[in-house]
């Protein structure tokens, strides 16, 4: 199922980041990945959109910049060198949406079992 990157959140956003950062974590399929994520076992808790220890290094590596939207309700994230931008309710959500857009585009084919 196609999902707009700008609308991704939670497990769907974390899955999209995982496909870029740690594709080997998906080698046994979405169900195994979800169980790893749920339990936090091993080295793959996959919470990029809410864990600064996971999302922060991506922000630094990619050179993500931030501002607040005009209404002050959202964060706007940019990766200038890749001409990518996205908004989100938190720094991490905006940055991870921006990162996914820069690598996978503005729409991503997501497994239906994640929706």
N, C-alpha and C. Protein backbone atom coordinates (compact mmCIF):
# COMPACT_ATOMS: atom_id res chain seq x y z
N UNK A 1 0.84 -1.17 0.00
CA UNK A 1 0.00 0.00 0.00
C UNK A 1 0.90 1.24 0.00
N UNK A 2 0.60 2.18 -0.87
CA UNK A 2 1.37 3.42 -0.96
C UNK A 2 0.95 4.39 0.16
N UNK A 3 1.95 4.94 0.84
CA UNK A 3 1.73 5.91 1.91
C UNK A 3 2.58 7.15 1.60
N UNK A 4 1.99 8.32 1.77
CA UNK A 4 2.75 9.55 1.59
C UNK A 4 3.75 9.68 2.74
N UNK A 5 4.96 9.98 2.40
CA UNK A 5 6.00 10.15 3.42
C UNK A 5 5.59 11.22 4.43
N UNK A 6 4.96 12.27 3.96
CA UNK A 6 4.55 13.37 4.83
C UNK A 6 3.50 12.97 5.86
N UNK A 7 2.87 11.80 5.67
CA UNK A 7 1.84 11.33 6.59
C UNK A 7 2.31 10.17 7.46
N UNK A 8 3.54 9.73 7.28
CA UNK A 8 4.05 8.60 8.05
C UNK A 8 4.24 8.98 9.51
N UNK A 9 3.94 8.01 10.37
CA UNK A 9 4.19 8.19 11.79
C UNK A 9 4.35 6.83 12.44
N UNK A 10 4.75 6.81 13.67
CA UNK A 10 4.83 5.59 14.45
C UNK A 10 5.57 4.45 13.78
N UNK A 11 4.96 3.26 13.84
CA UNK A 11 5.59 2.05 13.34
C UNK A 11 5.87 2.12 11.84
N UNK A 12 5.02 2.78 11.08
CA UNK A 12 5.24 2.90 9.63
C UNK A 12 6.48 3.72 9.35
N UNK A 13 6.64 4.83 10.05
CA UNK A 13 7.83 5.67 9.86
C UNK A 13 9.09 4.91 10.30
N UNK A 14 9.01 4.23 11.43
CA UNK A 14 10.17 3.46 11.89
C UNK A 14 10.53 2.35 10.91
N UNK A 15 9.53 1.70 10.33
CA UNK A 15 9.79 0.68 9.33
C UNK A 15 10.51 1.27 8.12
N UNK A 16 10.04 2.43 7.65
CA UNK A 16 10.66 3.06 6.48
C UNK A 16 12.12 3.42 6.76
N UNK A 17 12.40 3.95 7.94
CA UNK A 17 13.79 4.28 8.29
C UNK A 17 14.61 2.99 8.38
N UNK A 18 14.03 1.94 8.94
CA UNK A 18 14.74 0.66 9.04
C UNK A 18 15.10 0.12 7.66
N UNK A 19 14.22 0.28 6.68
CA UNK A 19 14.54 -0.22 5.33
C UNK A 19 15.78 0.45 4.77
N UNK A 20 16.06 1.68 5.21
CA UNK A 20 17.24 2.41 4.74
C UNK A 20 18.45 2.09 5.61
N UNK A 21 18.28 2.19 6.91
CA UNK A 21 19.39 2.09 7.85
C UNK A 21 19.81 0.66 8.18
N UNK A 22 18.85 -0.25 8.32
CA UNK A 22 19.14 -1.60 8.79
C UNK A 22 18.31 -2.63 8.03
N UNK A 23 18.46 -2.70 6.72
CA UNK A 23 17.61 -3.62 5.96
C UNK A 23 17.74 -5.07 6.41
N UNK A 24 18.87 -5.43 7.00
CA UNK A 24 19.05 -6.80 7.49
C UNK A 24 18.07 -7.14 8.61
N UNK A 25 17.55 -6.13 9.31
CA UNK A 25 16.57 -6.36 10.37
C UNK A 25 15.24 -6.84 9.81
N UNK A 26 15.04 -6.67 8.52
CA UNK A 26 13.78 -7.07 7.89
C UNK A 26 13.90 -8.40 7.15
N UNK A 27 15.03 -9.05 7.26
CA UNK A 27 15.26 -10.26 6.46
C UNK A 27 14.29 -11.39 6.79
N UNK A 28 13.73 -11.41 8.00
CA UNK A 28 12.79 -12.47 8.36
C UNK A 28 11.34 -12.01 8.24
N UNK A 29 11.13 -10.85 7.67
CA UNK A 29 9.78 -10.37 7.43
C UNK A 29 9.29 -9.36 8.45
N UNK A 30 8.16 -8.79 8.13
CA UNK A 30 7.59 -7.72 8.94
C UNK A 30 7.17 -8.22 10.32
N UNK A 31 6.61 -9.42 10.41
CA UNK A 31 6.15 -9.92 11.71
C UNK A 31 7.32 -10.06 12.69
N UNK A 32 8.44 -10.60 12.23
CA UNK A 32 9.61 -10.73 13.10
C UNK A 32 10.12 -9.35 13.50
N UNK A 33 10.17 -8.43 12.54
CA UNK A 33 10.62 -7.06 12.83
C UNK A 33 9.72 -6.41 13.87
N UNK A 34 8.40 -6.57 13.72
CA UNK A 34 7.46 -5.98 14.69
C UNK A 34 7.66 -6.58 16.07
N UNK A 35 7.92 -7.87 16.15
CA UNK A 35 8.15 -8.49 17.46
C UNK A 35 9.44 -7.96 18.09
N UNK A 36 10.48 -7.80 17.29
CA UNK A 36 11.72 -7.21 17.80
C UNK A 36 11.46 -5.80 18.32
N UNK A 37 10.70 -5.04 17.57
CA UNK A 37 10.40 -3.66 17.93
C UNK A 37 9.56 -3.62 19.21
N UNK A 38 8.58 -4.49 19.30
CA UNK A 38 7.69 -4.53 20.47
C UNK A 38 8.46 -4.86 21.74
N UNK A 39 9.29 -5.88 21.65
CA UNK A 39 9.99 -6.35 22.84
C UNK A 39 11.26 -5.56 23.12
N UNK A 40 11.80 -4.90 22.10
CA UNK A 40 13.06 -4.18 22.28
C UNK A 40 14.23 -5.13 22.50
N UNK A 41 14.03 -6.41 22.17
CA UNK A 41 15.10 -7.38 22.40
C UNK A 41 16.24 -7.16 21.42
N UNK A 42 17.38 -7.63 21.81
CA UNK A 42 18.53 -7.55 20.92
C UNK A 42 18.91 -6.11 20.63
N UNK A 43 19.42 -5.89 19.45
CA UNK A 43 19.92 -4.57 19.10
C UNK A 43 19.01 -3.80 18.15
N UNK A 44 17.78 -4.24 17.97
CA UNK A 44 16.89 -3.61 17.01
C UNK A 44 15.57 -3.15 17.61
N UNK A 45 15.57 -2.20 18.53
CA UNK A 45 14.29 -1.74 19.04
C UNK A 45 13.54 -0.83 18.06
N UNK A 46 14.21 -0.25 17.07
CA UNK A 46 13.57 0.50 15.98
C UNK A 46 12.55 1.53 16.42
N UNK A 47 13.00 2.53 17.07
CA UNK A 47 12.13 3.63 17.48
C UNK A 47 12.76 4.96 17.07
N UNK A 48 13.09 5.05 15.81
CA UNK A 48 13.78 6.23 15.29
C UNK A 48 13.00 7.51 15.50
N UNK A 49 11.68 7.44 15.40
CA UNK A 49 10.86 8.66 15.48
C UNK A 49 10.69 9.15 16.92
N UNK A 50 11.15 8.38 17.92
CA UNK A 50 10.98 8.83 19.30
C UNK A 50 12.21 8.61 20.18
N UNK A 51 13.27 8.02 19.65
CA UNK A 51 14.47 7.75 20.44
C UNK A 51 15.64 8.54 19.87
N UNK A 52 16.10 9.54 20.61
CA UNK A 52 17.21 10.39 20.14
C UNK A 52 18.50 9.60 19.95
N UNK A 53 18.68 8.50 20.68
CA UNK A 53 19.88 7.68 20.49
C UNK A 53 19.89 7.01 19.12
N UNK A 54 18.73 6.82 18.52
CA UNK A 54 18.64 6.21 17.20
C UNK A 54 18.48 7.27 16.10
N UNK A 55 17.57 8.21 16.31
CA UNK A 55 17.34 9.24 15.29
C UNK A 55 18.41 10.33 15.27
N UNK A 56 18.97 10.63 16.43
CA UNK A 56 19.97 11.69 16.53
C UNK A 56 21.17 11.52 15.62
N UNK A 57 21.78 10.32 15.58
CA UNK A 57 22.92 10.13 14.67
C UNK A 57 22.56 10.33 13.20
N UNK A 58 21.34 9.99 12.80
CA UNK A 58 20.91 10.23 11.42
C UNK A 58 20.82 11.74 11.17
N UNK A 59 20.25 12.46 12.12
CA UNK A 59 20.14 13.92 12.01
C UNK A 59 21.52 14.54 11.83
N UNK A 60 22.46 14.13 12.65
CA UNK A 60 23.82 14.68 12.55
C UNK A 60 24.49 14.29 11.24
N UNK A 61 24.44 13.02 10.90
CA UNK A 61 25.09 12.53 9.68
C UNK A 61 24.54 13.20 8.42
N UNK A 62 23.21 13.37 8.37
CA UNK A 62 22.56 13.93 7.18
C UNK A 62 22.55 15.45 7.16
N UNK A 63 22.94 16.08 8.27
CA UNK A 63 22.95 17.54 8.34
C UNK A 63 21.57 18.14 8.32
N UNK A 64 20.64 17.54 9.05
CA UNK A 64 19.26 18.03 9.09
C UNK A 64 19.20 19.35 9.84
N UNK A 65 18.51 20.32 9.26
CA UNK A 65 18.30 21.63 9.87
C UNK A 65 16.83 21.74 10.26
N UNK A 66 16.54 22.57 11.27
CA UNK A 66 15.16 22.71 11.77
C UNK A 66 14.74 24.15 11.91
N UNK A 67 13.46 24.38 11.70
CA UNK A 67 12.78 25.62 12.10
C UNK A 67 11.39 25.21 12.57
N UNK A 68 10.67 26.17 13.12
CA UNK A 68 9.26 25.95 13.47
C UNK A 68 8.42 26.46 12.31
N UNK A 69 7.27 25.86 12.12
CA UNK A 69 6.37 26.37 11.10
C UNK A 69 5.82 27.71 11.56
N UNK A 70 5.24 28.47 10.65
CA UNK A 70 4.75 29.82 10.96
C UNK A 70 3.79 29.85 12.13
N UNK A 71 2.97 28.83 12.27
CA UNK A 71 2.01 28.81 13.37
C UNK A 71 2.64 28.29 14.68
N UNK A 72 3.88 27.83 14.61
CA UNK A 72 4.58 27.35 15.80
C UNK A 72 4.15 25.98 16.28
N UNK A 73 3.27 25.33 15.53
CA UNK A 73 2.73 24.04 15.95
C UNK A 73 3.57 22.84 15.51
N UNK A 74 4.35 23.01 14.46
CA UNK A 74 5.10 21.89 13.89
C UNK A 74 6.57 22.28 13.72
N UNK A 75 7.38 21.25 13.51
CA UNK A 75 8.79 21.46 13.16
C UNK A 75 8.96 21.20 11.68
N UNK A 76 9.83 21.96 11.07
CA UNK A 76 10.16 21.79 9.66
C UNK A 76 11.61 21.34 9.60
N UNK A 77 11.87 20.23 8.96
CA UNK A 77 13.22 19.68 8.82
C UNK A 77 13.65 19.74 7.37
N UNK A 78 14.94 20.08 7.16
CA UNK A 78 15.51 20.14 5.81
C UNK A 78 16.82 19.37 5.76
N UNK A 79 17.03 18.72 4.63
CA UNK A 79 18.36 18.24 4.26
C UNK A 79 18.68 19.00 2.99
N UNK A 80 19.37 20.10 3.15
CA UNK A 80 19.57 21.05 2.05
C UNK A 80 20.28 20.40 0.87
N UNK A 81 21.35 19.67 1.13
CA UNK A 81 22.14 19.10 0.03
C UNK A 81 21.36 18.10 -0.82
N UNK A 82 20.28 17.56 -0.26
CA UNK A 82 19.45 16.60 -0.98
C UNK A 82 18.12 17.19 -1.42
N UNK A 83 17.91 18.48 -1.14
CA UNK A 83 16.69 19.18 -1.50
C UNK A 83 15.45 18.45 -0.98
N UNK A 84 15.52 18.04 0.29
CA UNK A 84 14.39 17.33 0.91
C UNK A 84 13.92 18.11 2.12
N UNK A 85 12.62 18.10 2.36
CA UNK A 85 12.08 18.75 3.56
C UNK A 85 10.80 18.04 3.98
N UNK A 86 10.47 18.18 5.26
CA UNK A 86 9.26 17.59 5.80
C UNK A 86 8.90 18.29 7.10
N UNK A 87 7.66 18.15 7.50
CA UNK A 87 7.22 18.69 8.78
C UNK A 87 6.76 17.55 9.68
N UNK A 88 6.68 17.86 10.97
CA UNK A 88 6.19 16.88 11.93
C UNK A 88 5.96 17.52 13.28
N UNK A 89 5.25 16.84 14.16
CA UNK A 89 4.93 17.39 15.47
C UNK A 89 6.13 17.45 16.42
N UNK A 90 7.18 16.69 16.11
CA UNK A 90 8.41 16.71 16.91
C UNK A 90 9.61 16.82 15.98
N UNK A 91 10.75 17.18 16.57
CA UNK A 91 11.99 17.22 15.77
C UNK A 91 12.25 15.86 15.11
N UNK A 92 12.13 14.79 15.88
CA UNK A 92 12.45 13.46 15.35
C UNK A 92 11.50 13.02 14.24
N UNK A 93 10.23 13.25 14.41
CA UNK A 93 9.28 12.87 13.35
C UNK A 93 9.55 13.65 12.08
N UNK A 94 9.75 14.96 12.20
CA UNK A 94 10.05 15.78 11.02
C UNK A 94 11.34 15.32 10.35
N UNK A 95 12.36 15.05 11.15
CA UNK A 95 13.65 14.64 10.59
C UNK A 95 13.58 13.28 9.92
N UNK A 96 12.87 12.33 10.53
CA UNK A 96 12.78 11.00 9.94
C UNK A 96 11.93 11.01 8.68
N UNK A 97 10.88 11.81 8.64
CA UNK A 97 10.11 11.97 7.39
C UNK A 97 10.99 12.56 6.30
N UNK A 98 11.76 13.56 6.66
CA UNK A 98 12.67 14.20 5.70
C UNK A 98 13.70 13.20 5.18
N UNK A 99 14.27 12.43 6.09
CA UNK A 99 15.26 11.41 5.72
C UNK A 99 14.66 10.38 4.77
N UNK A 100 13.48 9.88 5.10
CA UNK A 100 12.81 8.89 4.25
C UNK A 100 12.51 9.50 2.88
N UNK A 101 12.01 10.72 2.86
CA UNK A 101 11.73 11.36 1.57
C UNK A 101 13.00 11.50 0.73
N UNK A 102 14.11 11.84 1.37
CA UNK A 102 15.35 12.04 0.63
C UNK A 102 15.86 10.74 0.01
N UNK A 103 15.52 9.60 0.59
CA UNK A 103 16.02 8.32 0.11
C UNK A 103 14.99 7.52 -0.68
N UNK A 104 13.72 7.60 -0.27
CA UNK A 104 12.69 6.74 -0.87
C UNK A 104 11.63 7.49 -1.66
N UNK A 105 11.61 8.82 -1.54
CA UNK A 105 10.64 9.61 -2.29
C UNK A 105 9.45 10.04 -1.44
N UNK A 106 8.51 10.70 -2.10
CA UNK A 106 7.37 11.26 -1.35
C UNK A 106 6.23 10.27 -1.14
N UNK A 107 6.35 9.07 -1.73
CA UNK A 107 5.42 7.98 -1.47
C UNK A 107 6.22 6.69 -1.34
N UNK A 108 5.82 5.86 -0.39
CA UNK A 108 6.55 4.62 -0.14
C UNK A 108 5.54 3.46 -0.11
N UNK A 109 5.92 2.36 -0.73
CA UNK A 109 5.09 1.16 -0.71
C UNK A 109 5.35 0.45 0.62
N UNK A 110 4.35 0.43 1.48
CA UNK A 110 4.45 -0.10 2.84
C UNK A 110 3.66 -1.41 2.93
N UNK A 111 4.20 -2.42 3.61
CA UNK A 111 3.43 -3.66 3.77
C UNK A 111 2.09 -3.39 4.47
N UNK A 112 1.03 -3.97 3.95
CA UNK A 112 -0.31 -3.72 4.49
C UNK A 112 -0.43 -4.12 5.95
N UNK A 113 0.34 -5.11 6.39
CA UNK A 113 0.23 -5.55 7.79
C UNK A 113 0.73 -4.51 8.78
N UNK A 114 1.37 -3.46 8.31
CA UNK A 114 1.80 -2.37 9.19
C UNK A 114 0.73 -1.31 9.37
N UNK A 115 -0.23 -1.26 8.48
CA UNK A 115 -1.24 -0.21 8.51
C UNK A 115 -2.32 -0.53 9.52
